[in-house]
PDB file of N, CA and C in Angstrom:
ATOM      1  N   UNK A   1     -12.545  -7.628 -35.575  1.00  0.00           N
ATOM      2  CA  UNK A   1     -12.390  -7.603 -34.142  1.00  0.00           C
ATOM      3  C   UNK A   1     -10.922  -7.321 -33.805  1.00  0.00           C
ATOM      4  N   UNK A   2     -10.686  -6.438 -32.837  1.00  0.00           N
ATOM      5  CA  UNK A   2      -9.333  -6.098 -32.445  1.00  0.00           C
ATOM      6  C   UNK A   2      -8.744  -7.167 -31.535  1.00  0.00           C
ATOM      7  N   UNK A   3      -7.458  -7.363 -31.670  1.00  0.00           N
ATOM      8  CA  UNK A   3      -6.763  -8.287 -30.779  1.00  0.00           C
ATOM      9  C   UNK A   3      -6.501  -7.584 -29.453  1.00  0.00           C
ATOM     10  N   UNK A   4      -6.586  -8.320 -28.363  1.00  0.00           N
ATOM     11  CA  UNK A   4      -6.226  -7.752 -27.069  1.00  0.00           C
ATOM     12  C   UNK A   4      -4.717  -7.572 -27.058  1.00  0.00           C
ATOM     13  N   UNK A   5      -4.273  -6.424 -26.641  1.00  0.00           N
ATOM     14  CA  UNK A   5      -2.835  -6.174 -26.645  1.00  0.00           C
ATOM     15  C   UNK A   5      -2.141  -7.008 -25.579  1.00  0.00           C
ATOM     16  N   UNK A   6      -0.881  -7.218 -25.774  1.00  0.00           N
ATOM     17  CA  UNK A   6      -0.090  -7.966 -24.803  1.00  0.00           C
ATOM     18  C   UNK A   6      -0.055  -7.248 -23.457  1.00  0.00           C
ATOM     19  N   UNK A   7      -0.029  -5.918 -23.464  1.00  0.00           N
ATOM     20  CA  UNK A   7      -0.023  -5.168 -22.209  1.00  0.00           C
ATOM     21  C   UNK A   7      -1.344  -5.324 -21.470  1.00  0.00           C
ATOM     22  N   UNK A   8      -2.417  -5.324 -22.201  1.00  0.00           N
ATOM     23  CA  UNK A   8      -3.747  -5.536 -21.615  1.00  0.00           C
ATOM     24  C   UNK A   8      -3.774  -6.892 -20.908  1.00  0.00           C
ATOM     25  N   UNK A   9      -3.313  -7.913 -21.588  1.00  0.00           N
ATOM     26  CA  UNK A   9      -3.298  -9.264 -21.028  1.00  0.00           C
ATOM     27  C   UNK A   9      -2.348  -9.358 -19.840  1.00  0.00           C
ATOM     28  N   UNK A  10      -1.188  -8.717 -19.924  1.00  0.00           N
ATOM     29  CA  UNK A  10      -0.230  -8.738 -18.821  1.00  0.00           C
ATOM     30  C   UNK A  10      -0.812  -8.066 -17.582  1.00  0.00           C
ATOM     31  N   UNK A  11      -1.525  -6.962 -17.770  1.00  0.00           N
ATOM     32  CA  UNK A  11      -2.152  -6.266 -16.643  1.00  0.00           C
ATOM     33  C   UNK A  11      -3.234  -7.136 -16.010  1.00  0.00           C
ATOM     34  N   UNK A  12      -4.034  -7.810 -16.828  1.00  0.00           N
ATOM     35  CA  UNK A  12      -5.069  -8.711 -16.294  1.00  0.00           C
ATOM     36  C   UNK A  12      -4.430  -9.841 -15.486  1.00  0.00           C
ATOM     37  N   UNK A  13      -3.364 -10.411 -16.003  1.00  0.00           N
ATOM     38  CA  UNK A  13      -2.680 -11.502 -15.300  1.00  0.00           C
ATOM     39  C   UNK A  13      -2.055 -11.007 -13.996  1.00  0.00           C
ATOM     40  N   UNK A  14      -1.565  -9.767 -13.977  1.00  0.00           N
ATOM     41  CA  UNK A  14      -1.027  -9.196 -12.749  1.00  0.00           C
ATOM     42  C   UNK A  14      -2.126  -9.065 -11.703  1.00  0.00           C
ATOM     43  N   UNK A  15      -3.282  -8.566 -12.130  1.00  0.00           N
ATOM     44  CA  UNK A  15      -4.414  -8.453 -11.203  1.00  0.00           C
ATOM     45  C   UNK A  15      -4.781  -9.837 -10.672  1.00  0.00           C
ATOM     46  N   UNK A  16      -4.801 -10.811 -11.556  1.00  0.00           N
ATOM     47  CA  UNK A  16      -5.131 -12.191 -11.180  1.00  0.00           C
ATOM     48  C   UNK A  16      -4.137 -12.752 -10.165  1.00  0.00           C
ATOM     49  N   UNK A  17      -2.893 -12.291 -10.218  1.00  0.00           N
ATOM     50  CA  UNK A  17      -1.861 -12.804  -9.310  1.00  0.00           C
ATOM     51  C   UNK A  17      -1.892 -12.150  -7.924  1.00  0.00           C
ATOM     52  N   UNK A  18      -2.657 -11.067  -7.772  1.00  0.00           N
ATOM     53  CA  UNK A  18      -2.716 -10.399  -6.476  1.00  0.00           C
ATOM     54  C   UNK A  18      -3.380 -11.302  -5.445  1.00  0.00           C
ATOM     55  N   UNK A  19      -2.990 -11.163  -4.174  1.00  0.00           N
ATOM     56  CA  UNK A  19      -3.647 -11.954  -3.128  1.00  0.00           C
ATOM     57  C   UNK A  19      -5.125 -11.565  -3.006  1.00  0.00           C
ATOM     58  N   UNK A  20      -5.946 -12.511  -2.646  1.00  0.00           N
ATOM     59  CA  UNK A  20      -7.378 -12.242  -2.470  1.00  0.00           C
ATOM     60  C   UNK A  20      -7.555 -11.180  -1.384  1.00  0.00           C
ATOM     61  N   UNK A  21      -8.458 -10.242  -1.637  1.00  0.00           N
ATOM     62  CA  UNK A  21      -8.731  -9.164  -0.699  1.00  0.00           C
ATOM     63  C   UNK A  21      -7.849  -7.943  -0.880  1.00  0.00           C
ATOM     64  N   UNK A  22      -6.848  -8.016  -1.709  1.00  0.00           N
ATOM     65  CA  UNK A  22      -5.913  -6.904  -1.923  1.00  0.00           C
ATOM     66  C   UNK A  22      -6.585  -5.803  -2.727  1.00  0.00           C
ATOM     67  N   UNK A  23      -6.422  -4.561  -2.267  1.00  0.00           N
ATOM     68  CA  UNK A  23      -6.945  -3.403  -2.987  1.00  0.00           C
ATOM     69  C   UNK A  23      -5.882  -2.916  -3.964  1.00  0.00           C
ATOM     70  N   UNK A  24      -6.328  -2.427  -5.107  1.00  0.00           N
ATOM     71  CA  UNK A  24      -5.407  -1.846  -6.085  1.00  0.00           C
ATOM     72  C   UNK A  24      -6.122  -0.735  -6.824  1.00  0.00           C
ATOM     73  N   UNK A  25      -5.331   0.156  -7.355  1.00  0.00           N
ATOM     74  CA  UNK A  25      -5.847   1.294  -8.112  1.00  0.00           C
ATOM     75  C   UNK A  25      -5.238   1.258  -9.515  1.00  0.00           C
ATOM     76  N   UNK A  26      -5.759   2.101 -10.379  1.00  0.00           N
ATOM     77  CA  UNK A  26      -5.204   2.179 -11.732  1.00  0.00           C
ATOM     78  C   UNK A  26      -3.717   2.506 -11.685  1.00  0.00           C
ATOM     79  N   UNK A  27      -3.330   3.396 -10.783  1.00  0.00           N
ATOM     80  CA  UNK A  27      -1.920   3.792 -10.689  1.00  0.00           C
ATOM     81  C   UNK A  27      -1.018   2.584 -10.414  1.00  0.00           C
ATOM     82  N   UNK A  28      -1.501   1.627  -9.625  1.00  0.00           N
ATOM     83  CA  UNK A  28      -0.709   0.422  -9.360  1.00  0.00           C
ATOM     84  C   UNK A  28      -0.516  -0.391 -10.632  1.00  0.00           C
ATOM     85  N   UNK A  29      -1.552  -0.477 -11.426  1.00  0.00           N
ATOM     86  CA  UNK A  29      -1.478  -1.235 -12.675  1.00  0.00           C
ATOM     87  C   UNK A  29      -0.569  -0.524 -13.669  1.00  0.00           C
ATOM     88  N   UNK A  30      -0.665   0.809 -13.743  1.00  0.00           N
ATOM     89  CA  UNK A  30       0.232   1.570 -14.618  1.00  0.00           C
ATOM     90  C   UNK A  30       1.687   1.316 -14.217  1.00  0.00           C
ATOM     91  N   UNK A  31       1.958   1.383 -12.901  1.00  0.00           N
ATOM     92  CA  UNK A  31       3.316   1.206 -12.399  1.00  0.00           C
ATOM     93  C   UNK A  31       3.845  -0.188 -12.747  1.00  0.00           C
ATOM     94  N   UNK A  32       3.001  -1.202 -12.596  1.00  0.00           N
ATOM     95  CA  UNK A  32       3.415  -2.559 -12.956  1.00  0.00           C
ATOM     96  C   UNK A  32       3.858  -2.611 -14.418  1.00  0.00           C
ATOM     97  N   UNK A  33       3.040  -2.065 -15.299  1.00  0.00           N
ATOM     98  CA  UNK A  33       3.384  -2.093 -16.722  1.00  0.00           C
ATOM     99  C   UNK A  33       4.645  -1.286 -17.014  1.00  0.00           C
ATOM    100  N   UNK A  34       4.773  -0.115 -16.393  1.00  0.00           N
ATOM    101  CA  UNK A  34       5.949   0.728 -16.621  1.00  0.00           C
ATOM    102  C   UNK A  34       7.233   0.047 -16.152  1.00  0.00           C
ATOM    103  N   UNK A  35       7.163  -0.667 -15.027  1.00  0.00           N
ATOM    104  CA  UNK A  35       8.357  -1.313 -14.474  1.00  0.00           C
ATOM    105  C   UNK A  35       8.740  -2.585 -15.229  1.00  0.00           C
ATOM    106  N   UNK A  36       7.749  -3.362 -15.651  1.00  0.00           N
ATOM    107  CA  UNK A  36       8.032  -4.662 -16.253  1.00  0.00           C
ATOM    108  C   UNK A  36       8.058  -4.650 -17.787  1.00  0.00           C
ATOM    109  N   UNK A  37       7.448  -3.650 -18.390  1.00  0.00           N
ATOM    110  CA  UNK A  37       7.380  -3.575 -19.856  1.00  0.00           C
ATOM    111  C   UNK A  37       7.664  -2.156 -20.347  1.00  0.00           C
ATOM    112  N   UNK A  38       8.784  -1.551 -19.934  1.00  0.00           N
ATOM    113  CA  UNK A  38       9.011  -0.149 -20.311  1.00  0.00           C
ATOM    114  C   UNK A  38       9.107   0.077 -21.818  1.00  0.00           C
ATOM    115  N   UNK A  39       9.761  -0.820 -22.527  1.00  0.00           N
ATOM    116  CA  UNK A  39       9.905  -0.646 -23.975  1.00  0.00           C
ATOM    117  C   UNK A  39       8.546  -0.773 -24.667  1.00  0.00           C
ATOM    118  N   UNK A  40       7.750  -1.761 -24.251  1.00  0.00           N
ATOM    119  CA  UNK A  40       6.433  -1.967 -24.853  1.00  0.00           C
ATOM    120  C   UNK A  40       5.514  -0.783 -24.574  1.00  0.00           C
ATOM    121  N   UNK A  41       5.609  -0.222 -23.359  1.00  0.00           N
ATOM    122  CA  UNK A  41       4.783   0.951 -23.037  1.00  0.00           C
ATOM    123  C   UNK A  41       5.133   2.115 -23.959  1.00  0.00           C
ATOM    124  N   UNK A  42       6.427   2.286 -24.211  1.00  0.00           N
ATOM    125  CA  UNK A  42       6.873   3.377 -25.079  1.00  0.00           C
ATOM    126  C   UNK A  42       6.490   3.175 -26.531  1.00  0.00           C
ATOM    127  N   UNK A  43       6.586   1.926 -27.012  1.00  0.00           N
ATOM    128  CA  UNK A  43       6.283   1.675 -28.420  1.00  0.00           C
ATOM    129  C   UNK A  43       4.789   1.532 -28.677  1.00  0.00           C
ATOM    130  N   UNK A  44       3.988   1.387 -27.624  1.00  0.00           N
ATOM    131  CA  UNK A  44       2.532   1.252 -27.791  1.00  0.00           C
ATOM    132  C   UNK A  44       1.948   2.544 -28.345  1.00  0.00           C
ATOM    133  N   UNK A  45       2.604   3.657 -28.049  1.00  0.00           N
ATOM    134  CA  UNK A  45       2.159   4.934 -28.605  1.00  0.00           C
ATOM    135  C   UNK A  45       1.155   5.645 -27.725  1.00  0.00           C
ATOM    136  N   UNK A  46       0.662   6.744 -28.246  1.00  0.00           N
ATOM    137  CA  UNK A  46      -0.283   7.575 -27.510  1.00  0.00           C
ATOM    138  C   UNK A  46      -1.541   7.768 -28.328  1.00  0.00           C
ATOM    139  N   UNK A  47      -2.653   7.890 -27.620  1.00  0.00           N
ATOM    140  CA  UNK A  47      -3.887   8.318 -28.275  1.00  0.00           C
ATOM    141  C   UNK A  47      -3.942   9.834 -28.111  1.00  0.00           C
ATOM    142  N   UNK A  48      -5.041  10.447 -28.491  1.00  0.00           N
ATOM    143  CA  UNK A  48      -5.164  11.901 -28.355  1.00  0.00           C
ATOM    144  C   UNK A  48      -5.176  12.320 -26.891  1.00  0.00           C
ATOM    145  N   UNK A  49      -5.617  11.426 -26.018  1.00  0.00           N
ATOM    146  CA  UNK A  49      -5.826  11.774 -24.618  1.00  0.00           C
ATOM    147  C   UNK A  49      -4.722  11.283 -23.689  1.00  0.00           C
ATOM    148  N   UNK A  50      -4.175  10.090 -23.943  1.00  0.00           N
ATOM    149  CA  UNK A  50      -3.264   9.468 -22.989  1.00  0.00           C
ATOM    150  C   UNK A  50      -2.399   8.414 -23.675  1.00  0.00           C
ATOM    151  N   UNK A  51      -1.392   7.926 -22.969  1.00  0.00           N
ATOM    152  CA  UNK A  51      -0.631   6.797 -23.504  1.00  0.00           C
ATOM    153  C   UNK A  51      -1.528   5.552 -23.606  1.00  0.00           C
ATOM    154  N   UNK A  52      -1.379   4.804 -24.653  1.00  0.00           N
ATOM    155  CA  UNK A  52      -2.233   3.636 -24.875  1.00  0.00           C
ATOM    156  C   UNK A  52      -2.074   2.552 -23.812  1.00  0.00           C
ATOM    157  N   UNK A  53      -0.882   2.434 -23.221  1.00  0.00           N
ATOM    158  CA  UNK A  53      -0.720   1.406 -22.201  1.00  0.00           C
ATOM    159  C   UNK A  53      -1.602   1.676 -20.980  1.00  0.00           C
ATOM    160  N   UNK A  54      -1.890   2.943 -20.693  1.00  0.00           N
ATOM    161  CA  UNK A  54      -2.795   3.260 -19.584  1.00  0.00           C
ATOM    162  C   UNK A  54      -4.216   2.817 -19.917  1.00  0.00           C
ATOM    163  N   UNK A  55      -4.597   2.961 -21.165  1.00  0.00           N
ATOM    164  CA  UNK A  55      -5.899   2.471 -21.613  1.00  0.00           C
ATOM    165  C   UNK A  55      -5.950   0.950 -21.476  1.00  0.00           C
ATOM    166  N   UNK A  56      -4.866   0.269 -21.841  1.00  0.00           N
ATOM    167  CA  UNK A  56      -4.796  -1.184 -21.686  1.00  0.00           C
ATOM    168  C   UNK A  56      -4.977  -1.583 -20.224  1.00  0.00           C
ATOM    169  N   UNK A  57      -4.327  -0.859 -19.327  1.00  0.00           N
ATOM    170  CA  UNK A  57      -4.414  -1.165 -17.897  1.00  0.00           C
ATOM    171  C   UNK A  57      -5.839  -0.971 -17.382  1.00  0.00           C
ATOM    172  N   UNK A  58      -6.498   0.102 -17.787  1.00  0.00           N
ATOM    173  CA  UNK A  58      -7.876   0.335 -17.332  1.00  0.00           C
ATOM    174  C   UNK A  58      -8.828  -0.723 -17.861  1.00  0.00           C
ATOM    175  N   UNK A  59      -8.645  -1.126 -19.108  1.00  0.00           N
ATOM    176  CA  UNK A  59      -9.522  -2.169 -19.653  1.00  0.00           C
ATOM    177  C   UNK A  59      -9.257  -3.516 -19.002  1.00  0.00           C
ATOM    178  N   UNK A  60      -8.038  -3.750 -18.572  1.00  0.00           N
ATOM    179  CA  UNK A  60      -7.748  -4.981 -17.825  1.00  0.00           C
ATOM    180  C   UNK A  60      -8.526  -4.983 -16.511  1.00  0.00           C
ATOM    181  N   UNK A  61      -8.609  -3.827 -15.859  1.00  0.00           N
ATOM    182  CA  UNK A  61      -9.395  -3.721 -14.619  1.00  0.00           C
ATOM    183  C   UNK A  61     -10.878  -3.952 -14.914  1.00  0.00           C
ATOM    184  N   UNK A  62     -11.372  -3.429 -16.017  1.00  0.00           N
ATOM    185  CA  UNK A  62     -12.766  -3.656 -16.396  1.00  0.00           C
ATOM    186  C   UNK A  62     -13.023  -5.137 -16.660  1.00  0.00           C
ATOM    187  N   UNK A  63     -12.085  -5.795 -17.318  1.00  0.00           N
ATOM    188  CA  UNK A  63     -12.203  -7.241 -17.526  1.00  0.00           C
ATOM    189  C   UNK A  63     -12.243  -7.967 -16.187  1.00  0.00           C
ATOM    190  N   UNK A  64     -11.410  -7.513 -15.245  1.00  0.00           N
ATOM    191  CA  UNK A  64     -11.321  -8.167 -13.944  1.00  0.00           C
ATOM    192  C   UNK A  64     -12.632  -8.083 -13.165  1.00  0.00           C
ATOM    193  N   UNK A  65     -13.416  -7.022 -13.389  1.00  0.00           N
ATOM    194  CA  UNK A  65     -14.689  -6.911 -12.665  1.00  0.00           C
ATOM    195  C   UNK A  65     -15.854  -7.531 -13.435  1.00  0.00           C
ATOM    196  N   UNK A  66     -15.533  -8.219 -14.518  1.00  0.00           N
ATOM    197  CA  UNK A  66     -16.559  -8.981 -15.218  1.00  0.00           C
ATOM    198  C   UNK A  66     -17.197  -8.316 -16.414  1.00  0.00           C
ATOM    199  N   UNK A  67     -16.616  -7.238 -16.918  1.00  0.00           N
ATOM    200  CA  UNK A  67     -17.200  -6.569 -18.089  1.00  0.00           C
ATOM    201  C   UNK A  67     -17.005  -7.366 -19.377  1.00  0.00           C
ATOM    202  N   UNK A  68     -15.995  -8.217 -19.403  1.00  0.00           N
ATOM    203  CA  UNK A  68     -15.726  -9.052 -20.574  1.00  0.00           C
ATOM    204  C   UNK A  68     -16.211 -10.469 -20.262  1.00  0.00           C
ATOM    205  N   UNK A  69     -17.227 -10.954 -20.976  1.00  0.00           N
ATOM    206  CA  UNK A  69     -17.770 -12.281 -20.659  1.00  0.00           C
ATOM    207  C   UNK A  69     -16.789 -13.425 -20.897  1.00  0.00           C
ATOM    208  N   UNK A  70     -15.713 -13.155 -21.622  1.00  0.00           N
ATOM    209  CA  UNK A  70     -14.717 -14.212 -21.878  1.00  0.00           C
ATOM    210  C   UNK A  70     -13.662 -14.304 -20.784  1.00  0.00           C
ATOM    211  N   UNK A  71     -13.717 -13.413 -19.819  1.00  0.00           N
ATOM    212  CA  UNK A  71     -12.758 -13.402 -18.709  1.00  0.00           C
ATOM    213  C   UNK A  71     -13.494 -13.668 -17.409  1.00  0.00           C
ATOM    214  N   UNK A  72     -12.809 -14.302 -16.472  1.00  0.00           N
ATOM    215  CA  UNK A  72     -13.392 -14.549 -15.154  1.00  0.00           C
ATOM    216  C   UNK A  72     -13.470 -13.257 -14.360  1.00  0.00           C
ATOM    217  N   UNK A  73     -14.537 -13.122 -13.565  1.00  0.00           N
ATOM    218  CA  UNK A  73     -14.652 -11.980 -12.661  1.00  0.00           C
ATOM    219  C   UNK A  73     -13.745 -12.270 -11.469  1.00  0.00           C
ATOM    220  N   UNK A  74     -12.695 -11.488 -11.335  1.00  0.00           N
ATOM    221  CA  UNK A  74     -11.710 -11.733 -10.294  1.00  0.00           C
ATOM    222  C   UNK A  74     -11.549 -10.547  -9.344  1.00  0.00           C
ATOM    223  N   UNK A  75     -12.310  -9.483  -9.559  1.00  0.00           N
ATOM    224  CA  UNK A  75     -12.200  -8.293  -8.718  1.00  0.00           C
ATOM    225  C   UNK A  75     -13.548  -7.593  -8.660  1.00  0.00           C
ATOM    226  N   UNK A  76     -13.661  -6.656  -7.738  1.00  0.00           N
ATOM    227  CA  UNK A  76     -14.862  -5.821  -7.654  1.00  0.00           C
ATOM    228  C   UNK A  76     -14.449  -4.381  -7.436  1.00  0.00           C
ATOM    229  N   UNK A  77     -15.273  -3.474  -7.899  1.00  0.00           N
ATOM    230  CA  UNK A  77     -15.007  -2.053  -7.733  1.00  0.00           C
ATOM    231  C   UNK A  77     -15.423  -1.664  -6.316  1.00  0.00           C
ATOM    232  N   UNK A  78     -14.552  -0.941  -5.626  1.00  0.00           N
ATOM    233  CA  UNK A  78     -14.871  -0.498  -4.264  1.00  0.00           C
ATOM    234  C   UNK A  78     -14.847   1.021  -4.135  1.00  0.00           C
ATOM    235  N   UNK A  79     -14.492   1.705  -5.186  1.00  0.00           N
ATOM    236  CA  UNK A  79     -14.452   3.160  -5.185  1.00  0.00           C
ATOM    237  C   UNK A  79     -14.098   3.642  -6.572  1.00  0.00           C
ATOM    238  N   UNK A  80     -14.006   4.944  -6.730  1.00  0.00           N
ATOM    239  CA  UNK A  80     -13.655   5.503  -8.037  1.00  0.00           C
ATOM    240  C   UNK A  80     -12.205   5.150  -8.351  1.00  0.00           C
ATOM    241  N   UNK A  81     -12.007   4.264  -9.307  1.00  0.00           N
ATOM    242  CA  UNK A  81     -10.665   3.842  -9.692  1.00  0.00           C
ATOM    243  C   UNK A  81      -9.992   2.917  -8.698  1.00  0.00           C
ATOM    244  N   UNK A  82     -10.755   2.391  -7.760  1.00  0.00           N
ATOM    245  CA  UNK A  82     -10.191   1.471  -6.770  1.00  0.00           C
ATOM    246  C   UNK A  82     -10.948   0.144  -6.835  1.00  0.00           C
ATOM    247  N   UNK A  83     -10.189  -0.929  -6.733  1.00  0.00           N
ATOM    248  CA  UNK A  83     -10.742  -2.272  -6.880  1.00  0.00           C
ATOM    249  C   UNK A  83     -10.226  -3.165  -5.767  1.00  0.00           C
ATOM    250  N   UNK A  84     -10.912  -4.284  -5.559  1.00  0.00           N
ATOM    251  CA  UNK A  84     -10.476  -5.289  -4.591  1.00  0.00           C
ATOM    252  C   UNK A  84     -10.472  -6.631  -5.271  1.00  0.00           C
ATOM    253  N   UNK A  85      -9.372  -7.339  -5.144  1.00  0.00           N
ATOM    254  CA  UNK A  85      -9.237  -8.692  -5.723  1.00  0.00           C
ATOM    255  C   UNK A  85     -10.124  -9.644  -4.940  1.00  0.00           C
ATOM    256  N   UNK A  86     -10.962 -10.380  -5.651  1.00  0.00           N
ATOM    257  CA  UNK A  86     -11.859 -11.354  -5.006  1.00  0.00           C
ATOM    258  C   UNK A  86     -11.123 -12.629  -4.673  1.00  0.00           C
TER     259      UNK A  86
END
């Protein structure tokens, strides 16, 4: 089983810290990681398609909407790539 990356966890915690009812998009999560963890984003590397930290951010959003049974559902999808904090 793979370990959840620190960036993945940081993105989930950022989503959790948003005020209830706040809308956010993937770009907001990417920006948070880029601003607060620039070195980690760079050293995380790239996959064939994209930087891995962006993948971490998207999976954090999926966790937030309840896709991971070990995480609380703290958001809902309201559009393509757009979410609302519950």
